[in-house]
Amino acid sequence: MEIKAEELISSEIKRITDKFGKEYLDYSDIMKITGLGRDNARAIMSNIDFPKIKIGKRRIVSVSAFVVWQFTNEIKR
């Protein structure tokens, strides 16, 4: 059985959105999803390549952008 990337991404977006009940994530949500500590989660969200949205000092990321970013960065490794 062949699994398509689009299906994996779509199901992961739905899973995270359902679990957290929101469409945008902050650094504490990233910590919970990835298992990273506070400093590492903030460092990821400060990275220029990370698809964040800045609202004042706050950084958030849409669930869909995060999942695509996570998926493409895991493939590169």
N, C-alpha and C. Protein backbone atom coordinates (compact mmCIF):
# COMPACT_ATOMS: atom_id res chain seq x y z
N MET A 1 0.84 -1.19 0.00
CA MET A 1 0.00 0.00 0.00
C MET A 1 0.88 1.24 0.00
N GLU A 2 0.61 2.13 -0.90
CA GLU A 2 1.39 3.35 -1.03
C GLU A 2 0.71 4.49 -0.28
N ILE A 3 1.47 5.19 0.55
CA ILE A 3 0.94 6.32 1.30
C ILE A 3 1.41 7.59 0.62
N LYS A 4 0.49 8.47 0.31
CA LYS A 4 0.83 9.72 -0.37
C LYS A 4 1.13 10.81 0.65
N ALA A 5 2.09 11.65 0.31
CA ALA A 5 2.50 12.74 1.19
C ALA A 5 1.33 13.66 1.52
N GLU A 6 0.49 13.94 0.54
CA GLU A 6 -0.65 14.83 0.76
C GLU A 6 -1.61 14.27 1.79
N GLU A 7 -1.81 12.96 1.75
CA GLU A 7 -2.70 12.31 2.71
C GLU A 7 -2.12 12.35 4.12
N LEU A 8 -0.81 12.11 4.22
CA LEU A 8 -0.15 12.19 5.53
C LEU A 8 -0.25 13.59 6.11
N ILE A 9 0.03 14.59 5.30
CA ILE A 9 -0.03 15.97 5.76
C ILE A 9 -1.44 16.33 6.18
N SER A 10 -2.41 15.98 5.35
CA SER A 10 -3.80 16.29 5.64
C SER A 10 -4.27 15.64 6.94
N SER A 11 -3.92 14.38 7.14
CA SER A 11 -4.36 13.70 8.36
C SER A 11 -3.66 14.27 9.60
N GLU A 12 -2.40 14.67 9.46
CA GLU A 12 -1.68 15.26 10.60
C GLU A 12 -2.24 16.65 10.94
N ILE A 13 -2.60 17.43 9.95
CA ILE A 13 -3.24 18.74 10.19
C ILE A 13 -4.53 18.54 10.95
N LYS A 14 -5.34 17.58 10.52
CA LYS A 14 -6.61 17.31 11.19
C LYS A 14 -6.38 16.84 12.63
N ARG A 15 -5.41 15.96 12.83
CA ARG A 15 -5.13 15.42 14.16
C ARG A 15 -4.71 16.54 15.12
N ILE A 16 -3.80 17.39 14.70
CA ILE A 16 -3.32 18.47 15.56
C ILE A 16 -4.41 19.49 15.82
N THR A 17 -5.15 19.86 14.78
CA THR A 17 -6.24 20.82 14.95
C THR A 17 -7.29 20.29 15.92
N ASP A 18 -7.64 19.03 15.79
CA ASP A 18 -8.62 18.43 16.70
C ASP A 18 -8.08 18.34 18.13
N LYS A 19 -6.82 17.97 18.26
CA LYS A 19 -6.23 17.81 19.59
C LYS A 19 -6.13 19.13 20.35
N PHE A 20 -5.69 20.19 19.67
CA PHE A 20 -5.48 21.47 20.33
C PHE A 20 -6.69 22.40 20.21
N GLY A 21 -7.62 22.10 19.33
CA GLY A 21 -8.83 22.90 19.20
C GLY A 21 -8.60 24.30 18.66
N LYS A 22 -7.54 24.46 17.88
CA LYS A 22 -7.25 25.76 17.30
C LYS A 22 -6.46 25.59 16.01
N GLU A 23 -6.44 26.64 15.20
CA GLU A 23 -5.76 26.57 13.92
C GLU A 23 -4.37 27.20 13.93
N TYR A 24 -4.03 27.87 15.03
CA TYR A 24 -2.70 28.48 15.17
C TYR A 24 -2.05 27.98 16.45
N LEU A 25 -0.75 27.76 16.39
CA LEU A 25 0.00 27.23 17.51
C LEU A 25 1.00 28.27 18.01
N ASP A 26 1.27 28.25 19.32
CA ASP A 26 2.32 29.10 19.86
C ASP A 26 3.47 28.20 20.32
N TYR A 27 4.50 28.80 20.93
CA TYR A 27 5.67 28.01 21.27
C TYR A 27 5.36 26.90 22.28
N SER A 28 4.39 27.12 23.19
CA SER A 28 4.07 26.06 24.15
C SER A 28 3.41 24.86 23.46
N ASP A 29 2.63 25.11 22.42
CA ASP A 29 2.05 24.02 21.64
C ASP A 29 3.14 23.26 20.89
N ILE A 30 4.10 23.99 20.34
CA ILE A 30 5.22 23.37 19.63
C ILE A 30 6.00 22.48 20.59
N MET A 31 6.17 22.93 21.83
CA MET A 31 6.85 22.14 22.85
C MET A 31 6.12 20.81 23.07
N LYS A 32 4.81 20.87 23.18
CA LYS A 32 4.00 19.66 23.42
C LYS A 32 4.06 18.70 22.24
N ILE A 33 4.02 19.24 21.04
CA ILE A 33 4.01 18.40 19.84
C ILE A 33 5.37 17.74 19.61
N THR A 34 6.43 18.51 19.78
CA THR A 34 7.77 18.02 19.44
C THR A 34 8.50 17.38 20.61
N GLY A 35 8.10 17.72 21.84
CA GLY A 35 8.82 17.23 23.00
C GLY A 35 10.07 18.04 23.32
N LEU A 36 10.23 19.17 22.65
CA LEU A 36 11.37 20.04 22.89
C LEU A 36 11.15 20.89 24.13
N GLY A 37 12.23 21.39 24.67
CA GLY A 37 12.15 22.31 25.79
C GLY A 37 11.80 23.71 25.32
N ARG A 38 11.54 24.59 26.29
CA ARG A 38 11.12 25.96 25.99
C ARG A 38 12.13 26.70 25.10
N ASP A 39 13.40 26.65 25.45
CA ASP A 39 14.41 27.39 24.70
C ASP A 39 14.55 26.88 23.27
N ASN A 40 14.50 25.56 23.09
CA ASN A 40 14.59 25.00 21.73
C ASN A 40 13.35 25.31 20.90
N ALA A 41 12.18 25.26 21.50
CA ALA A 41 10.94 25.60 20.78
C ALA A 41 10.96 27.07 20.35
N ARG A 42 11.41 27.94 21.23
CA ARG A 42 11.52 29.36 20.88
C ARG A 42 12.58 29.59 19.81
N ALA A 43 13.67 28.85 19.89
CA ALA A 43 14.72 28.98 18.87
C ALA A 43 14.20 28.58 17.50
N ILE A 44 13.43 27.50 17.44
CA ILE A 44 12.84 27.07 16.16
C ILE A 44 11.93 28.17 15.62
N MET A 45 11.09 28.73 16.50
CA MET A 45 10.15 29.75 16.03
C MET A 45 10.85 31.06 15.67
N SER A 46 12.08 31.24 16.13
CA SER A 46 12.84 32.43 15.78
C SER A 46 13.63 32.24 14.49
N ASN A 47 13.76 31.00 14.05
CA ASN A 47 14.51 30.70 12.84
C ASN A 47 13.87 31.39 11.64
N ILE A 48 14.70 31.94 10.78
CA ILE A 48 14.20 32.68 9.62
C ILE A 48 13.41 31.79 8.66
N ASP A 49 13.71 30.50 8.61
CA ASP A 49 13.03 29.58 7.69
C ASP A 49 11.71 29.04 8.25
N PHE A 50 11.43 29.30 9.52
CA PHE A 50 10.20 28.79 10.13
C PHE A 50 9.02 29.66 9.71
N PRO A 51 7.88 29.07 9.32
CA PRO A 51 6.74 29.83 8.77
C PRO A 51 5.87 30.51 9.83
N LYS A 52 6.44 31.37 10.63
CA LYS A 52 5.73 32.02 11.72
C LYS A 52 5.04 33.29 11.27
N ILE A 53 4.12 33.72 12.11
CA ILE A 53 3.47 35.02 11.96
C ILE A 53 3.79 35.78 13.23
N LYS A 54 4.29 37.00 13.09
CA LYS A 54 4.61 37.80 14.26
C LYS A 54 3.50 38.80 14.51
N ILE A 55 2.99 38.79 15.73
CA ILE A 55 1.97 39.75 16.16
C ILE A 55 2.54 40.41 17.40
N GLY A 56 3.08 41.59 17.23
CA GLY A 56 3.80 42.22 18.32
C GLY A 56 5.02 41.39 18.65
N LYS A 57 5.17 41.01 19.90
CA LYS A 57 6.28 40.14 20.31
C LYS A 57 5.91 38.66 20.21
N ARG A 58 4.65 38.39 19.97
CA ARG A 58 4.17 37.01 19.93
C ARG A 58 4.39 36.38 18.57
N ARG A 59 4.81 35.12 18.58
CA ARG A 59 4.99 34.36 17.34
C ARG A 59 4.02 33.18 17.35
N ILE A 60 3.32 33.03 16.24
CA ILE A 60 2.41 31.89 16.08
C ILE A 60 2.64 31.28 14.71
N VAL A 61 2.14 30.09 14.53
CA VAL A 61 2.24 29.41 13.24
C VAL A 61 0.94 28.68 12.99
N SER A 62 0.47 28.70 11.75
CA SER A 62 -0.74 27.94 11.45
C SER A 62 -0.40 26.45 11.51
N VAL A 63 -1.38 25.66 11.87
CA VAL A 63 -1.18 24.22 11.97
C VAL A 63 -0.72 23.68 10.62
N SER A 64 -1.36 24.12 9.55
CA SER A 64 -0.99 23.60 8.22
C SER A 64 0.44 23.96 7.86
N ALA A 65 0.86 25.20 8.11
CA ALA A 65 2.24 25.61 7.80
C ALA A 65 3.24 24.83 8.65
N PHE A 66 2.90 24.60 9.92
CA PHE A 66 3.79 23.85 10.80
C PHE A 66 3.96 22.41 10.32
N VAL A 67 2.87 21.77 9.96
CA VAL A 67 2.93 20.37 9.53
C VAL A 67 3.74 20.25 8.24
N VAL A 68 3.50 21.14 7.30
CA VAL A 68 4.27 21.10 6.04
C VAL A 68 5.74 21.34 6.33
N TRP A 69 6.05 22.34 7.18
CA TRP A 69 7.44 22.62 7.55
C TRP A 69 8.08 21.40 8.21
N GLN A 70 7.37 20.80 9.15
CA GLN A 70 7.89 19.64 9.87
C GLN A 70 8.14 18.47 8.91
N PHE A 71 7.19 18.23 8.05
CA PHE A 71 7.30 17.13 7.10
C PHE A 71 8.47 17.34 6.14
N THR A 72 8.63 18.52 5.58
CA THR A 72 9.71 18.77 4.63
C THR A 72 11.07 18.80 5.31
N ASN A 73 11.14 19.25 6.55
CA ASN A 73 12.41 19.26 7.24
C ASN A 73 12.82 17.87 7.70
N GLU A 74 11.87 17.00 7.95
CA GLU A 74 12.22 15.62 8.31
C GLU A 74 12.74 14.86 7.10
N ILE A 75 12.21 15.16 5.94
CA ILE A 75 12.64 14.48 4.72
C ILE A 75 14.08 14.87 4.38
N LYS A 76 14.45 16.12 4.61
CA LYS A 76 15.79 16.60 4.28
C LYS A 76 16.88 15.95 5.11
N ARG A 77 16.54 15.49 6.32
CA ARG A 77 17.54 14.93 7.22
C ARG A 77 18.05 13.60 6.80
